[in-house]
C-alpha atoms as a PDB file:
ATOM      1  CA  UNK A   1       0.272   0.222  -0.046  1.00  0.00           C
ATOM      2  CA  UNK A   2       1.147   3.370  -0.913  1.00  0.00           C
ATOM      3  CA  UNK A   3       2.075   6.326   1.544  1.00  0.00           C
ATOM      4  CA  UNK A   4      -1.300   8.285   2.845  1.00  0.00           C
ATOM      5  CA  UNK A   5      -1.034  12.046   3.784  1.00  0.00           C
ATOM      6  CA  UNK A   6      -3.400  12.619   6.550  1.00  0.00           C
ATOM      7  CA  UNK A   7      -4.516  15.599   7.890  1.00  0.00           C
ATOM      8  CA  UNK A   8      -2.454  17.165  11.336  1.00  0.00           C
ATOM      9  CA  UNK A   9      -5.978  17.664  13.299  1.00  0.00           C
ATOM     10  CA  UNK A  10      -6.336  13.603  12.645  1.00  0.00           C
ATOM     11  CA  UNK A  11      -2.850  12.462  12.921  1.00  0.00           C
ATOM     12  CA  UNK A  12      -3.462  14.560  16.705  1.00  0.00           C
ATOM     13  CA  UNK A  13      -6.846  12.671  17.117  1.00  0.00           C
ATOM     14  CA  UNK A  14      -5.203   8.654  17.117  1.00  0.00           C
ATOM     15  CA  UNK A  15      -2.001  10.412  19.179  1.00  0.00           C
ATOM     16  CA  UNK A  16      -4.536  11.410  21.621  1.00  0.00           C
ATOM     17  CA  UNK A  17      -6.280   7.976  21.283  1.00  0.00           C
ATOM     18  CA  UNK A  18      -3.470   5.931  21.795  1.00  0.00           C
ATOM     19  CA  UNK A  19      -2.300   7.571  24.788  1.00  0.00           C
ATOM     20  CA  UNK A  20      -5.280   7.542  26.764  1.00  0.00           C
ATOM     21  CA  UNK A  21      -5.490   3.805  25.708  1.00  0.00           C
ATOM     22  CA  UNK A  22      -2.230   3.015  27.130  1.00  0.00           C
ATOM     23  CA  UNK A  23      -2.720   5.264  29.552  1.00  0.00           C
ATOM     24  CA  UNK A  24      -6.236   3.190  30.603  1.00  0.00           C
ATOM     25  CA  UNK A  25      -8.999   6.130  30.630  1.00  0.00           C
ATOM     26  CA  UNK A  26      -9.545   5.205  26.821  1.00  0.00           C
ATOM     27  CA  UNK A  27     -12.921   7.434  26.294  1.00  0.00           C
ATOM     28  CA  UNK A  28     -16.073   6.479  24.369  1.00  0.00           C
ATOM     29  CA  UNK A  29     -16.177  10.625  22.937  1.00  0.00           C
ATOM     30  CA  UNK A  30     -12.478   9.789  22.123  1.00  0.00           C
ATOM     31  CA  UNK A  31     -12.456   6.975  20.553  1.00  0.00           C
ATOM     32  CA  UNK A  32     -16.261   7.905  18.699  1.00  0.00           C
ATOM     33  CA  UNK A  33     -13.947  11.195  17.789  1.00  0.00           C
ATOM     34  CA  UNK A  34     -11.157   9.103  16.346  1.00  0.00           C
ATOM     35  CA  UNK A  35     -13.513   6.744  14.221  1.00  0.00           C
ATOM     36  CA  UNK A  36     -15.372   9.458  12.108  1.00  0.00           C
ATOM     37  CA  UNK A  37     -12.397  11.744  11.076  1.00  0.00           C
ATOM     38  CA  UNK A  38     -10.594   8.046  10.159  1.00  0.00           C
ATOM     39  CA  UNK A  39     -14.037   7.336   8.088  1.00  0.00           C
ATOM     40  CA  UNK A  40     -14.814  11.057   6.619  1.00  0.00           C
ATOM     41  CA  UNK A  41     -10.360  10.707   5.664  1.00  0.00           C
ATOM     42  CA  UNK A  42     -11.745   6.850   3.858  1.00  0.00           C
ATOM     43  CA  UNK A  43     -14.144   8.635   1.942  1.00  0.00           C
ATOM     44  CA  UNK A  44     -12.726  11.742   0.610  1.00  0.00           C
ATOM     45  CA  UNK A  45      -9.896   9.567  -0.482  1.00  0.00           C
ATOM     46  CA  UNK A  46     -11.928   7.060  -2.248  1.00  0.00           C
ATOM     47  CA  UNK A  47      -9.737   4.125  -0.150  1.00  0.00           C
ATOM     48  CA  UNK A  48     -11.158   1.732   2.617  1.00  0.00           C
ATOM     49  CA  UNK A  49     -11.402   2.934   5.524  1.00  0.00           C
ATOM     50  CA  UNK A  50      -9.565  -0.710   6.814  1.00  0.00           C
ATOM     51  CA  UNK A  51      -6.817   1.210   4.614  1.00  0.00           C
ATOM     52  CA  UNK A  52      -6.908   4.291   6.282  1.00  0.00           C
ATOM     53  CA  UNK A  53      -7.252   3.077  10.072  1.00  0.00           C
ATOM     54  CA  UNK A  54      -4.852   0.511   9.020  1.00  0.00           C
ATOM     55  CA  UNK A  55      -2.194   2.828   8.479  1.00  0.00           C
ATOM     56  CA  UNK A  56      -3.097   5.797  10.446  1.00  0.00           C
ATOM     57  CA  UNK A  57      -2.149   3.627  13.228  1.00  0.00           C
ATOM     58  CA  UNK A  58       1.242   2.762  11.710  1.00  0.00           C
ATOM     59  CA  UNK A  59       1.675   5.888  11.635  1.00  0.00           C
ATOM     60  CA  UNK A  60       1.332   6.974  14.902  1.00  0.00           C
ATOM     61  CA  UNK A  61       2.111   4.239  17.265  1.00  0.00           C
ATOM     62  CA  UNK A  62       4.896   2.411  14.877  1.00  0.00           C
ATOM     63  CA  UNK A  63       6.314   6.293  13.937  1.00  0.00           C
ATOM     64  CA  UNK A  64      10.430   6.386  14.008  1.00  0.00           C
ATOM     65  CA  UNK A  65      11.831   8.205  17.713  1.00  0.00           C
ATOM     66  CA  UNK A  66      12.316  12.049  17.076  1.00  0.00           C
ATOM     67  CA  UNK A  67      15.669  13.521  18.209  1.00  0.00           C
END
């Protein structure tokens, strides 16, 4: 799969959800916000929501360390 360009807002939403998840405090509101944004991005790009979600998670959770 080719690299998907994500808007900063979508990256920020996924980062917030991932941080909440790792801290054991992920809320339904945060999870729903991420899922809604993924769906909107996928529809706008004409892509599978599943492919967008997997690429987004890879981009956020497995990003190279900065520094």
